[in-house]
Amino acid sequence: DKAQFRISGVPDFDWSYGCSPSAAADVLGYWDANGYPLLIDYTFNRYDPLEGEWDYNVPNVQQQLSWAMHTDSSAGATSISDIGPGTRSVCNHPDYQNNYGFRDYTDYNENLGYLINKIRSGYPAIWNVISHPTYGNHSMCAMGWGPGTPDTAYICLHDTWSSTPVEVLVNWNGWTSERYTVGIDT
């Protein structure tokens, strides 16, 4: 087993419209570059009233995801149960010409093995934490693990925050509150 692993080519889009659409846009950005080229059609700049700043190079899919996930635009909040179906809807939406046949799955059992198997298979995932000591309630894009000997308990992710490095390591075992993985694949 490797001491660390990263899925290469996963974008790190800045938070816009909410953390769940942003994390899902990272995942779909990966898929867009790997055989599913209609998921991101263009990018744009927008003033984000929640953050009070300009967001640059926002992929159009981020806004589509916020609509499909029923994200509360006044708070940026999304229900865990809407993340997978919303992401799948955007991937398979005939109006967006994305009739790709993606599936989604939400691991409500908080299983580290499910997340690691997604990453080992080469699929970035949307990782959601509740009451995390650093992130609070937040969705992020998990795209690797390690370093370690090997240590798959340290999840490498893009946290959607522009104030942090592109890659952040979070210890799966570093707190006791809930964490859910949303997987999307074909």
Protein backbone atom coordinates (compact mmCIF):
# COMPACT_ATOMS: atom_id res chain seq x y z
CA ASP A 1 0.00 0.00 0.00
CA LYS A 2 1.23 3.49 -0.76
CA ALA A 3 2.18 5.90 2.03
CA GLN A 4 0.19 8.62 0.29
CA PHE A 5 -1.99 8.98 -2.78
CA ARG A 6 -3.50 11.86 -4.76
CA ILE A 7 -5.91 11.84 -7.67
CA SER A 8 -4.26 14.24 -10.08
CA GLY A 9 -6.16 16.86 -12.03
CA VAL A 10 -8.87 17.62 -9.46
CA PRO A 11 -9.55 21.38 -9.57
CA ASP A 12 -9.83 23.52 -6.46
CA PHE A 13 -12.65 25.97 -7.18
CA ASP A 14 -13.25 28.79 -4.71
CA TRP A 15 -16.36 28.73 -2.52
CA SER A 16 -19.31 30.24 -4.37
CA TYR A 17 -23.05 29.52 -3.96
CA GLY A 18 -22.28 27.25 -0.99
CA CYS A 19 -19.74 24.63 0.03
CA SER A 20 -21.65 21.64 -1.34
CA PRO A 21 -21.97 23.04 -4.89
CA SER A 22 -18.31 24.13 -4.69
CA ALA A 23 -17.05 20.70 -3.58
CA ALA A 24 -19.24 18.98 -6.18
CA ALA A 25 -17.89 21.35 -8.86
CA ASP A 26 -14.37 20.16 -7.96
CA VAL A 27 -15.52 16.56 -8.48
CA LEU A 28 -17.28 17.38 -11.77
CA GLY A 29 -14.27 19.41 -12.92
CA TYR A 30 -12.26 16.22 -12.63
CA TRP A 31 -14.86 14.25 -14.59
CA ASP A 32 -15.09 17.05 -17.19
CA ALA A 33 -11.36 16.68 -17.91
CA ASN A 34 -11.57 12.87 -17.95
CA GLY A 35 -14.07 11.91 -20.61
CA TYR A 36 -17.21 13.93 -19.78
CA PRO A 37 -16.48 17.30 -21.42
CA LEU A 38 -19.91 18.92 -21.19
CA LEU A 39 -20.04 19.27 -17.41
CA ILE A 40 -18.23 22.64 -17.37
CA ASP A 41 -19.08 24.85 -20.34
CA TYR A 42 -17.63 28.18 -19.21
CA THR A 43 -16.52 30.21 -16.20
CA PHE A 44 -17.57 33.66 -15.04
CA ASN A 45 -16.86 36.24 -12.34
CA ARG A 46 -19.47 37.17 -9.76
CA TYR A 47 -19.82 39.22 -6.64
CA ASP A 48 -20.63 36.86 -3.76
CA PRO A 49 -22.87 38.68 -1.25
CA LEU A 50 -22.40 35.97 1.41
CA GLU A 51 -18.62 36.35 1.44
CA GLY A 52 -18.64 40.03 0.48
CA GLU A 53 -16.04 39.49 -2.22
CA TRP A 54 -15.61 38.82 -5.92
CA ASP A 55 -15.27 35.20 -7.03
CA TYR A 56 -13.29 34.68 -10.24
CA ASN A 57 -13.45 31.82 -12.73
CA VAL A 58 -16.58 30.28 -11.22
CA PRO A 59 -17.56 27.28 -13.36
CA ASN A 60 -21.12 27.38 -14.64
CA VAL A 61 -21.72 23.96 -13.13
CA GLN A 62 -21.38 25.45 -9.63
CA GLN A 63 -24.54 27.49 -10.13
CA GLN A 64 -26.34 24.53 -11.74
CA LEU A 65 -25.39 22.37 -8.76
CA SER A 66 -26.69 24.96 -6.28
CA TRP A 67 -30.08 24.89 -8.01
CA ALA A 68 -30.20 21.08 -8.27
CA MET A 69 -29.15 20.64 -4.61
CA HIS A 70 -31.70 23.20 -3.38
CA THR A 71 -28.89 25.13 -1.68
CA ASP A 72 -30.14 27.97 0.51
CA SER A 73 -28.62 30.95 -1.29
CA SER A 74 -28.99 33.20 1.76
CA ALA A 75 -26.78 30.94 3.91
CA GLY A 76 -24.98 28.63 1.46
CA ALA A 77 -26.46 25.60 3.27
CA THR A 78 -27.39 22.30 1.60
CA SER A 79 -29.07 19.21 3.04
CA ILE A 80 -26.85 16.11 2.96
CA SER A 81 -29.71 14.18 1.34
CA ASP A 82 -29.80 16.63 -1.61
CA ILE A 83 -26.08 16.57 -2.50
CA GLY A 84 -25.90 13.22 -4.31
CA PRO A 85 -29.22 13.46 -6.18
CA GLY A 86 -28.48 17.09 -7.14
CA THR A 87 -25.03 16.20 -8.46
CA ARG A 88 -26.41 13.22 -10.37
CA SER A 89 -29.17 15.41 -11.83
CA VAL A 90 -26.67 17.92 -13.23
CA CYS A 91 -24.52 15.10 -14.68
CA ASN A 92 -27.51 13.51 -16.41
CA HIS A 93 -29.58 16.59 -17.28
CA PRO A 94 -30.72 16.66 -20.92
CA ASP A 95 -31.17 20.46 -20.84
CA TYR A 96 -27.43 20.75 -20.11
CA GLN A 97 -26.68 18.06 -22.75
CA ASN A 98 -25.09 15.98 -19.99
CA ASN A 99 -27.01 12.74 -20.42
CA TYR A 100 -24.08 10.70 -19.09
CA GLY A 101 -25.69 8.10 -16.82
CA PHE A 102 -23.87 8.97 -13.58
CA ARG A 103 -24.93 7.36 -10.30
CA ASP A 104 -24.68 8.74 -6.80
CA TYR A 105 -24.39 7.15 -3.39
CA THR A 106 -24.36 8.69 0.07
CA ASP A 107 -22.62 6.77 2.83
CA TYR A 108 -24.66 7.55 5.92
CA ASN A 109 -22.67 4.95 7.92
CA GLU A 110 -19.63 7.26 8.26
CA ASN A 111 -17.37 4.59 6.78
CA LEU A 112 -13.72 5.53 6.18
CA GLY A 113 -13.39 2.43 3.98
CA TYR A 114 -16.04 3.71 1.56
CA LEU A 115 -14.22 7.03 1.12
CA ILE A 116 -10.82 5.36 0.67
CA ASN A 117 -12.24 2.87 -1.86
CA LYS A 118 -13.68 5.75 -3.92
CA ILE A 119 -10.30 7.49 -3.92
CA ARG A 120 -8.41 4.24 -4.70
CA SER A 121 -10.76 3.74 -7.66
CA GLY A 122 -9.72 7.17 -8.94
CA TYR A 123 -12.95 8.93 -8.04
CA PRO A 124 -12.82 12.16 -6.02
CA ALA A 125 -15.74 12.41 -3.59
CA ILE A 126 -17.72 15.02 -1.70
CA TRP A 127 -16.86 14.67 1.97
CA ASN A 128 -19.21 16.30 4.46
CA VAL A 129 -18.40 16.98 8.11
CA ILE A 130 -20.73 18.03 10.92
CA SER A 131 -19.44 19.95 13.96
CA HIS A 132 -15.81 19.59 12.87
CA PRO A 133 -13.47 21.60 15.15
CA THR A 134 -12.03 23.58 12.20
CA TYR A 135 -14.71 23.40 9.52
CA GLY A 136 -17.97 23.21 11.47
CA ASN A 137 -20.62 21.92 9.05
CA HIS A 138 -18.86 21.83 5.68
CA SER A 139 -18.58 19.98 2.36
CA MET A 140 -15.16 19.44 0.78
CA CYS A 141 -13.67 17.52 -2.14
CA ALA A 142 -11.69 14.46 -0.97
CA MET A 143 -9.05 13.51 -3.50
CA GLY A 144 -6.31 11.65 -1.64
CA TRP A 145 -4.79 10.47 1.61
CA GLY A 146 -1.53 10.44 3.51
CA PRO A 147 1.33 10.90 4.12
CA GLY A 148 1.83 8.06 6.51
CA THR A 149 3.17 4.52 6.69
CA PRO A 150 0.57 4.17 4.99
CA ASP A 151 -2.01 6.29 6.75
CA THR A 152 -5.37 6.48 5.04
CA ALA A 153 -6.82 8.17 8.13
CA TYR A 154 -5.42 11.49 6.89
CA ILE A 155 -7.76 12.59 4.11
CA CYS A 156 -6.31 14.99 1.54
CA LEU A 157 -8.90 17.44 0.34
CA HIS A 158 -9.73 20.73 -1.30
CA ASP A 159 -11.69 22.59 1.35
CA THR A 160 -13.16 25.29 -1.00
CA TRP A 161 -11.63 28.07 1.12
CA SER A 162 -9.37 30.52 -0.71
CA SER A 163 -7.51 31.28 2.55
CA THR A 164 -6.04 27.76 2.87
CA PRO A 165 -3.51 25.80 0.77
CA VAL A 166 -4.77 23.86 -2.26
CA GLU A 167 -4.28 20.57 -0.40
CA VAL A 168 -5.32 20.21 3.22
CA LEU A 169 -4.96 17.08 5.37
CA VAL A 170 -7.70 16.26 7.87
CA ASN A 171 -7.51 13.35 10.30
CA TRP A 172 -10.61 11.16 9.94
CA ASN A 173 -10.17 10.18 13.59
CA GLY A 174 -9.57 13.74 14.83
CA TRP A 175 -13.09 14.27 16.18
CA THR A 176 -16.21 12.29 17.04
CA SER A 177 -19.00 14.06 15.14
CA GLU A 178 -20.68 12.96 11.93
CA ARG A 179 -19.04 12.70 8.51
CA TYR A 180 -20.67 11.54 5.27
CA THR A 181 -19.25 10.71 1.87
CA VAL A 182 -21.16 11.35 -1.35
CA GLY A 183 -19.79 9.37 -4.26
CA ILE A 184 -20.55 9.94 -7.93
CA ASP A 185 -19.47 7.65 -10.76
CA THR A 186 -20.54 6.09 -14.02
